N, C-alpha and C. Protein backbone atom coordinates (compact mmCIF):
# COMPACT_ATOMS: atom_id res chain seq x y z
N MET A 1 19.73 -13.46 11.20
CA MET A 1 19.15 -12.27 11.41
C MET A 1 18.73 -11.94 12.80
N SER A 2 19.15 -11.07 13.59
CA SER A 2 19.03 -10.90 14.75
C SER A 2 17.74 -10.45 14.91
N SER A 3 16.97 -10.69 16.05
CA SER A 3 15.71 -10.53 16.75
C SER A 3 15.63 -8.66 16.16
N SER A 4 16.72 -7.83 16.70
CA SER A 4 16.04 -7.14 16.51
C SER A 4 15.94 -6.10 15.08
N HIS A 5 17.01 -6.79 14.14
CA HIS A 5 16.82 -6.35 12.87
C HIS A 5 15.11 -7.02 11.90
N GLU A 6 15.39 -8.28 13.21
CA GLU A 6 13.91 -9.22 12.33
C GLU A 6 12.63 -7.53 12.86
N GLN A 7 12.77 -7.17 13.77
CA GLN A 7 11.79 -6.39 14.26
C GLN A 7 11.43 -5.14 13.53
N THR A 8 12.82 -4.83 13.45
CA THR A 8 13.04 -3.82 12.24
C THR A 8 12.12 -3.71 10.84
N TYR A 9 12.50 -4.88 10.48
CA TYR A 9 12.06 -5.03 9.05
C TYR A 9 10.69 -5.24 9.14
N GLN A 10 10.05 -5.87 9.92
CA GLN A 10 8.49 -6.19 10.05
C GLN A 10 7.99 -4.54 10.25
N ARG A 11 8.55 -4.11 11.30
CA ARG A 11 7.85 -2.70 11.41
C ARG A 11 7.82 -1.80 9.73
N GLY A 12 8.64 -2.18 9.09
CA GLY A 12 8.76 -1.73 7.69
C GLY A 12 7.82 -2.29 6.87
N LEU A 13 7.65 -3.76 6.79
CA LEU A 13 6.69 -4.04 6.42
C LEU A 13 5.24 -3.82 6.57
N ASP A 14 5.02 -3.80 7.82
CA ASP A 14 3.49 -3.31 8.35
C ASP A 14 3.66 -1.74 7.48
N ILE A 15 4.70 -0.65 7.74
CA ILE A 15 4.17 0.68 7.40
C ILE A 15 3.99 0.59 5.79
N LEU A 16 4.63 -0.48 5.15
CA LEU A 16 4.73 -0.43 3.89
C LEU A 16 2.86 -1.06 3.18
N ALA A 17 2.61 -1.82 4.20
CA ALA A 17 0.98 -1.87 3.83
C ALA A 17 0.16 -0.74 4.34
N GLN A 18 0.61 -0.10 5.34
CA GLN A 18 -0.24 1.08 5.38
C GLN A 18 -0.37 2.01 3.91
N ILE A 19 1.00 2.12 3.48
CA ILE A 19 0.59 3.00 2.28
C ILE A 19 0.41 2.70 0.84
N ASP A 20 0.29 0.88 0.87
CA ASP A 20 -0.26 0.41 -0.03
C ASP A 20 -0.35 -1.11 -0.41
N LYS A 21 -1.59 -1.21 0.44
CA LYS A 21 -1.88 -2.72 0.93
C LYS A 21 -1.69 -3.67 -0.42
N GLU A 22 -2.21 -3.61 -1.45
CA GLU A 22 -2.42 -4.26 -2.41
C GLU A 22 -1.09 -4.16 -3.11
N ASN A 23 -0.01 -3.92 -3.40
CA ASN A 23 0.89 -3.60 -4.18
C ASN A 23 2.20 -4.00 -3.28
N TYR A 24 2.17 -4.02 -2.25
CA TYR A 24 3.91 -3.70 -1.23
C TYR A 24 4.04 -4.95 -1.48
N GLN A 25 3.31 -6.00 -1.25
CA GLN A 25 4.49 -7.40 -1.48
C GLN A 25 4.98 -7.74 -2.98
N ALA A 26 4.32 -7.32 -4.21
CA ALA A 26 4.77 -7.35 -5.31
C ALA A 26 5.83 -6.53 -5.26
N ILE A 27 6.18 -5.37 -4.61
CA ILE A 27 7.28 -5.02 -4.80
C ILE A 27 8.76 -5.46 -3.87
N ILE A 28 7.99 -5.86 -2.88
CA ILE A 28 9.63 -6.74 -2.03
C ILE A 28 9.85 -7.91 -2.81
N ASP A 29 8.83 -8.36 -3.63
CA ASP A 29 9.15 -9.38 -4.24
C ASP A 29 9.82 -9.78 -5.74
N SER A 30 9.89 -8.02 -6.44
CA SER A 30 10.49 -7.95 -7.23
C SER A 30 12.13 -7.38 -7.24
N PHE A 31 12.62 -7.82 -5.85
CA PHE A 31 14.11 -7.55 -5.82
C PHE A 31 14.61 -8.96 -5.63
N LYS A 32 13.81 -9.87 -5.39
CA LYS A 32 13.94 -11.64 -5.32
C LYS A 32 14.82 -11.86 -6.46
N HIS A 33 14.51 -10.95 -7.50
CA HIS A 33 15.61 -11.69 -8.83
C HIS A 33 16.68 -10.98 -9.49
N SER A 34 16.28 -10.04 -8.72
CA SER A 34 17.75 -8.49 -9.06
C SER A 34 18.41 -8.98 -8.94
N PRO A 35 19.67 -8.17 -9.81
CA PRO A 35 20.94 -8.35 -9.21
C PRO A 35 21.30 -7.87 -7.67
N ALA A 36 20.41 -7.50 -7.54
CA ALA A 36 20.85 -7.00 -5.54
C ALA A 36 19.94 -7.36 -4.59
N PRO A 37 19.02 -8.43 -4.15
CA PRO A 37 18.41 -9.12 -3.75
C PRO A 37 18.05 -8.52 -2.33
N ASP A 38 19.21 -8.09 -1.58
CA ASP A 38 18.96 -7.61 -0.48
C ASP A 38 18.71 -6.54 -0.31
N LEU A 39 18.82 -5.75 -1.69
CA LEU A 39 18.47 -4.35 -1.45
C LEU A 39 16.92 -4.13 -1.08
N GLY A 40 16.14 -5.19 -1.18
CA GLY A 40 14.72 -5.06 -0.97
C GLY A 40 14.67 -5.10 0.82
N ARG A 41 15.48 -6.11 1.75
CA ARG A 41 15.16 -6.47 2.94
C ARG A 41 15.89 -4.81 3.41
N LEU A 42 16.84 -4.56 3.10
CA LEU A 42 17.50 -3.18 3.45
C LEU A 42 16.62 -1.51 3.17
N ALA A 43 16.11 -2.03 2.47
CA ALA A 43 15.05 -0.67 2.06
C ALA A 43 14.17 -0.75 2.94
N VAL A 44 13.76 -1.82 3.23
CA VAL A 44 12.65 -1.73 4.22
C VAL A 44 12.88 -1.76 5.37
N GLU A 45 13.98 -1.80 5.73
CA GLU A 45 14.54 -1.82 6.94
C GLU A 45 14.85 -0.40 7.52
N PHE A 46 15.35 -0.05 6.84
CA PHE A 46 16.09 0.89 6.79
C PHE A 46 15.06 2.61 6.62
N ASN A 47 14.48 2.38 5.56
CA ASN A 47 13.70 3.56 4.63
C ASN A 47 11.99 3.63 5.69
N TYR A 48 11.31 2.51 6.06
CA TYR A 48 10.15 2.26 6.29
C TYR A 48 10.44 1.83 7.73
N GLY A 49 10.93 0.56 8.32
CA GLY A 49 11.81 0.47 9.54
C GLY A 49 12.02 1.37 10.31
N GLN A 50 13.04 2.19 10.12
CA GLN A 50 13.92 3.32 10.89
C GLN A 50 13.28 4.30 10.64
N LEU A 51 13.29 5.09 9.65
CA LEU A 51 12.72 6.42 9.25
C LEU A 51 11.52 6.86 9.39
N PHE A 52 10.43 6.00 8.43
CA PHE A 52 9.27 6.03 8.55
C PHE A 52 8.34 6.16 9.69
N SER A 53 9.01 5.22 10.52
CA SER A 53 8.42 4.66 11.80
C SER A 53 8.58 6.02 12.94
N ARG A 54 10.00 6.58 12.74
CA ARG A 54 10.04 7.73 13.42
C ARG A 54 9.44 8.42 14.31
N PRO A 55 9.07 9.16 15.51
CA PRO A 55 8.11 9.80 16.27
C PRO A 55 8.38 11.07 15.60
N GLY A 56 7.53 12.16 15.65
CA GLY A 56 7.54 13.34 15.43
C GLY A 56 6.78 13.90 14.15
N LEU A 57 6.14 12.62 13.20
CA LEU A 57 5.58 13.03 11.75
C LEU A 57 4.82 11.71 11.86
N ASP A 58 3.76 11.85 11.19
CA ASP A 58 2.77 10.83 10.76
C ASP A 58 3.01 10.64 9.69
N LEU A 59 2.35 9.21 9.31
CA LEU A 59 2.94 8.77 8.23
C LEU A 59 2.24 9.51 6.83
N LYS A 60 0.94 9.90 7.16
CA LYS A 60 0.57 11.23 6.51
C LYS A 60 1.35 12.04 5.71
N SER A 61 2.04 12.86 7.16
CA SER A 61 3.00 13.71 6.64
C SER A 61 4.02 13.52 5.96
N ARG A 62 4.71 12.27 6.87
CA ARG A 62 5.88 11.87 5.76
C ARG A 62 5.61 11.34 4.34
N LEU A 63 4.44 10.77 4.11
CA LEU A 63 4.44 10.47 2.40
C LEU A 63 4.02 11.92 1.49
N LEU A 64 3.56 13.00 2.11
CA LEU A 64 3.68 14.31 1.42
C LEU A 64 5.11 14.66 1.42
N ALA A 65 5.98 14.72 2.27
CA ALA A 65 7.35 14.91 1.91
C ALA A 65 7.51 14.27 1.48
N SER A 66 7.83 13.03 1.08
CA SER A 66 8.59 12.19 0.53
C SER A 66 7.91 12.63 -0.99
N VAL A 67 6.44 12.83 -1.47
CA VAL A 67 6.33 13.29 -2.59
C VAL A 67 6.76 14.95 -3.02
N ALA A 68 7.28 15.90 -1.83
CA ALA A 68 7.84 16.82 -2.60
C ALA A 68 9.23 16.74 -2.77
N GLY A 69 9.99 15.80 -2.07
CA GLY A 69 11.36 15.23 -2.43
C GLY A 69 11.65 14.96 -3.29
N LEU A 70 10.82 13.74 -3.79
CA LEU A 70 10.54 13.01 -5.07
C LEU A 70 10.40 14.05 -6.54
N THR A 71 9.51 14.84 -6.20
CA THR A 71 9.28 15.59 -7.27
C THR A 71 10.30 16.90 -7.32
N ALA A 72 11.06 17.19 -6.73
CA ALA A 72 11.91 18.39 -6.33
C ALA A 72 13.25 17.52 -6.97
N LEU A 73 13.81 16.22 -6.94
CA LEU A 73 14.59 15.45 -7.28
C LEU A 73 14.69 14.97 -8.84
N GLY A 74 13.36 15.43 -9.57
CA GLY A 74 13.13 14.71 -10.25
C GLY A 74 12.78 13.29 -10.84
N ASN A 75 12.55 12.69 -9.58
CA ASN A 75 12.35 10.94 -9.31
C ASN A 75 10.71 10.41 -9.80
N THR A 76 11.05 10.67 -11.02
CA THR A 76 9.46 10.35 -11.53
C THR A 76 9.50 8.52 -11.43
N GLN A 77 9.76 7.77 -11.38
CA GLN A 77 9.67 6.28 -11.11
C GLN A 77 9.09 6.35 -9.79
N GLN A 78 10.07 6.32 -8.54
CA GLN A 78 9.35 6.43 -7.46
C GLN A 78 8.21 7.17 -6.74
N LEU A 79 8.10 8.49 -7.71
CA LEU A 79 7.14 9.22 -7.33
C LEU A 79 5.64 8.86 -7.55
N ARG A 80 5.39 7.79 -8.21
CA ARG A 80 4.15 6.78 -8.54
C ARG A 80 3.89 6.54 -7.15
N PHE A 81 4.33 5.59 -6.77
CA PHE A 81 4.31 4.91 -5.60
C PHE A 81 4.12 6.17 -4.23
N TYR A 82 4.73 7.12 -4.10
CA TYR A 82 4.41 7.67 -3.26
C TYR A 82 3.20 8.55 -3.30
N ILE A 83 2.91 8.69 -4.38
CA ILE A 83 1.88 9.85 -4.81
C ILE A 83 0.25 8.73 -4.67
N ASN A 84 0.74 7.45 -4.83
CA ASN A 84 -0.30 6.51 -4.34
C ASN A 84 -0.89 6.22 -3.17
N GLY A 85 0.40 6.22 -2.63
CA GLY A 85 0.14 6.20 -1.17
C GLY A 85 0.06 7.43 -0.24
N ALA A 86 0.33 8.71 -0.80
CA ALA A 86 -0.58 9.54 -0.25
C ALA A 86 -2.33 9.56 -0.29
N LEU A 87 -2.51 9.12 -1.33
CA LEU A 87 -3.87 9.09 -1.82
C LEU A 87 -4.70 8.14 -1.19
N ASN A 88 -3.87 7.09 -0.46
CA ASN A 88 -4.23 5.97 0.22
C ASN A 88 -4.51 6.40 1.70
N VAL A 89 -3.58 7.14 2.11
CA VAL A 89 -3.67 7.72 3.24
C VAL A 89 -4.27 8.78 3.74
N GLY A 90 -5.15 9.64 2.63
CA GLY A 90 -5.68 10.42 2.84
C GLY A 90 -5.83 11.97 2.27
N TRP A 91 -4.58 11.95 1.86
CA TRP A 91 -4.23 13.47 1.00
C TRP A 91 -5.56 13.31 -0.29
N THR A 92 -5.63 14.71 -0.51
CA THR A 92 -6.66 14.38 -2.44
C THR A 92 -5.38 14.38 -3.14
N GLU A 93 -6.10 14.87 -4.39
CA GLU A 93 -5.52 15.03 -5.69
C GLU A 93 -4.88 16.74 -6.01
N GLU A 94 -5.93 17.42 -4.93
CA GLU A 94 -5.33 19.11 -5.07
C GLU A 94 -4.71 18.86 -4.24
N GLU A 95 -4.06 18.66 -3.17
CA GLU A 95 -3.51 18.88 -2.14
C GLU A 95 -1.92 18.11 -2.88
N ILE A 96 -2.05 17.13 -3.26
CA ILE A 96 -0.79 16.72 -4.09
C ILE A 96 -0.46 17.63 -5.12
N VAL A 97 -1.50 18.25 -6.33
CA VAL A 97 -0.57 19.13 -6.96
C VAL A 97 -0.09 20.04 -6.31
N GLU A 98 -1.19 20.87 -5.18
CA GLU A 98 -0.27 21.63 -4.67
C GLU A 98 0.90 21.45 -4.28
N THR A 99 1.55 20.57 -3.56
CA THR A 99 2.92 20.37 -3.20
C THR A 99 3.67 20.26 -4.32
N ILE A 100 3.24 19.71 -5.63
CA ILE A 100 4.53 19.50 -6.49
C ILE A 100 4.54 20.74 -7.12
N LEU A 101 3.26 22.06 -7.11
CA LEU A 101 3.45 23.13 -7.90
C LEU A 101 4.34 23.72 -6.67
N GLN A 102 4.55 23.75 -5.51
CA GLN A 102 5.39 24.05 -4.36
C GLN A 102 6.63 23.99 -5.01
N MET A 103 7.25 22.40 -5.08
CA MET A 103 8.35 22.46 -5.60
C MET A 103 9.16 23.17 -6.91
N ILE A 104 8.00 24.01 -7.58
CA ILE A 104 8.51 24.96 -8.77
C ILE A 104 9.63 25.77 -8.19
N ILE A 105 8.94 26.41 -6.58
CA ILE A 105 10.32 27.21 -6.25
C ILE A 105 11.96 26.58 -6.09
N TYR A 106 11.90 25.47 -5.98
CA TYR A 106 13.33 24.46 -5.64
C TYR A 106 13.51 24.03 -6.78
N ALA A 107 12.62 23.62 -7.80
CA ALA A 107 13.45 22.82 -9.15
C ALA A 107 13.25 23.38 -10.09
N GLY A 108 12.02 24.32 -10.19
CA GLY A 108 11.84 24.68 -11.44
C GLY A 108 10.26 23.92 -12.18
N PHE A 109 10.03 24.89 -12.84
CA PHE A 109 9.08 24.62 -13.76
C PHE A 109 9.02 22.91 -14.49
N PRO A 110 10.19 22.69 -15.02
CA PRO A 110 9.90 21.38 -15.93
C PRO A 110 9.85 20.27 -15.05
N VAL A 111 10.32 20.27 -13.70
CA VAL A 111 10.33 18.92 -12.43
C VAL A 111 8.80 19.15 -12.61
N ALA A 112 8.37 20.09 -12.28
CA ALA A 112 7.15 20.22 -11.53
C ALA A 112 5.74 19.60 -12.48
N LEU A 113 6.10 20.36 -13.85
CA LEU A 113 5.45 19.70 -15.07
C LEU A 113 5.34 18.13 -15.42
N ASN A 114 6.76 17.86 -15.30
CA ASN A 114 7.28 16.33 -15.31
C ASN A 114 6.21 15.75 -14.53
N ALA A 115 6.54 16.20 -13.48
CA ALA A 115 5.71 15.23 -11.90
C ALA A 115 3.88 15.47 -12.27
N ILE A 116 3.58 16.44 -13.00
CA ILE A 116 1.74 16.73 -12.63
C ILE A 116 1.83 15.59 -14.00
N PHE A 117 2.42 15.95 -15.11
CA PHE A 117 1.54 15.01 -16.46
C PHE A 117 1.77 13.91 -16.57
N THR A 118 3.34 13.98 -16.35
CA THR A 118 3.85 12.70 -16.36
C THR A 118 3.52 11.27 -14.98
N VAL A 119 3.19 11.89 -14.11
CA VAL A 119 3.25 11.08 -12.99
C VAL A 119 1.89 10.93 -12.60
N ALA A 120 1.92 11.98 -11.62
CA ALA A 120 0.66 12.66 -11.09
C ALA A 120 -0.75 12.08 -11.78
N GLN A 121 -0.78 12.73 -12.98
CA GLN A 121 -2.21 12.74 -14.10
C GLN A 121 -2.05 11.20 -14.36
N GLU A 122 -1.59 10.36 -14.38
CA GLU A 122 -1.37 8.98 -14.49
C GLU A 122 -1.87 8.07 -13.74
N VAL A 123 -1.36 8.43 -12.41
CA VAL A 123 -1.80 7.84 -11.18
C VAL A 123 -3.04 8.26 -10.93
N PHE A 124 -3.38 9.50 -10.89
CA PHE A 124 -5.11 9.68 -11.13
C PHE A 124 -5.60 9.28 -11.65
N GLU A 125 -5.30 9.77 -12.79
CA GLU A 125 -6.52 8.75 -13.86
C GLU A 125 -6.72 7.07 -13.58
N SER A 126 -5.72 6.19 -13.63
CA SER A 126 -5.67 4.95 -13.24
C SER A 126 -6.82 4.13 -11.63
N ARG A 127 -6.30 5.26 -10.52
CA ARG A 127 -7.24 4.88 -9.58
C ARG A 127 -8.71 5.49 -10.15
N ARG A 128 -9.12 6.48 -10.98
CA ARG A 128 -10.60 6.64 -10.84
C ARG A 128 -11.12 5.84 -12.22
N ALA A 129 -10.00 5.06 -13.24
CA ALA A 129 -10.68 3.82 -13.68
C ALA A 129 -10.72 2.70 -12.85
N ASN A 130 -10.23 2.39 -11.93
CA ASN A 130 -10.08 1.30 -11.04
C ASN A 130 -11.58 1.52 -10.19
N GLU A 131 -11.93 2.58 -9.92
CA GLU A 131 -12.97 2.59 -8.47
C GLU A 131 -14.27 1.77 -8.91
N GLY A 132 -14.45 1.79 -10.46
CA GLY A 132 -15.77 1.08 -10.61
C GLY A 132 -16.21 -0.16 -10.01
N GLY A 133 -16.02 -0.75 -9.07
CA GLY A 133 -15.83 -2.16 -8.55
C GLY A 133 -14.42 -2.99 -8.02
N HIS A 134 -13.62 -2.08 -8.30
CA HIS A 134 -12.50 -2.96 -7.84
C HIS A 134 -11.56 -2.04 -6.81
N GLY A 135 -12.17 -0.91 -6.15
CA GLY A 135 -11.91 -0.49 -4.91
C GLY A 135 -10.70 0.90 -5.97
N GLU A 136 -10.00 0.90 -4.82
CA GLU A 136 -8.83 1.86 -5.43
C GLU A 136 -7.61 1.47 -6.30
N SER A 137 -6.98 2.04 -7.23
CA SER A 137 -5.76 1.20 -7.74
C SER A 137 -4.76 1.69 -7.04
N GLN A 138 -3.70 0.94 -7.39
CA GLN A 138 -2.57 1.30 -6.66
C GLN A 138 -1.70 1.07 -7.96
N ALA A 139 -0.22 2.30 -8.06
CA ALA A 139 0.64 2.56 -8.95
C ALA A 139 1.55 1.84 -8.44
N ALA A 140 2.46 1.12 -8.72
CA ALA A 140 3.61 0.42 -8.39
C ALA A 140 4.38 0.85 -8.54
N GLU A 141 5.60 0.84 -7.41
CA GLU A 141 6.88 1.68 -7.81
C GLU A 141 7.69 1.16 -9.00
């Protein structure tokens, strides 16, 4: 692996740690025994090391954009990680719900309802349940 790729990968890991310091390593490790073990490295390098690290938007803004995009696509599995990450970098539950509601215009009511009632609510409740002594909980991808 070239030095450039290694730097991009490390930059991606650093960004992932900012998004979810408690669970990012478990997410990376989950790829090791998958049918595509290199997919984790590619995702870290490209998604986080190249795209999330670009100038022009801060990490907080990128996470809210990710919540909006995943909501519009109806991708509830990855949405858990990004809602949790958005909360970790300073967005509020109300701001996240408003972002999801905004997607009604583009994706329709069923997508927004699923995002709010099956994903956002689960992440919010999980975090509240774990705040009493364990810090903030994380919902893994």
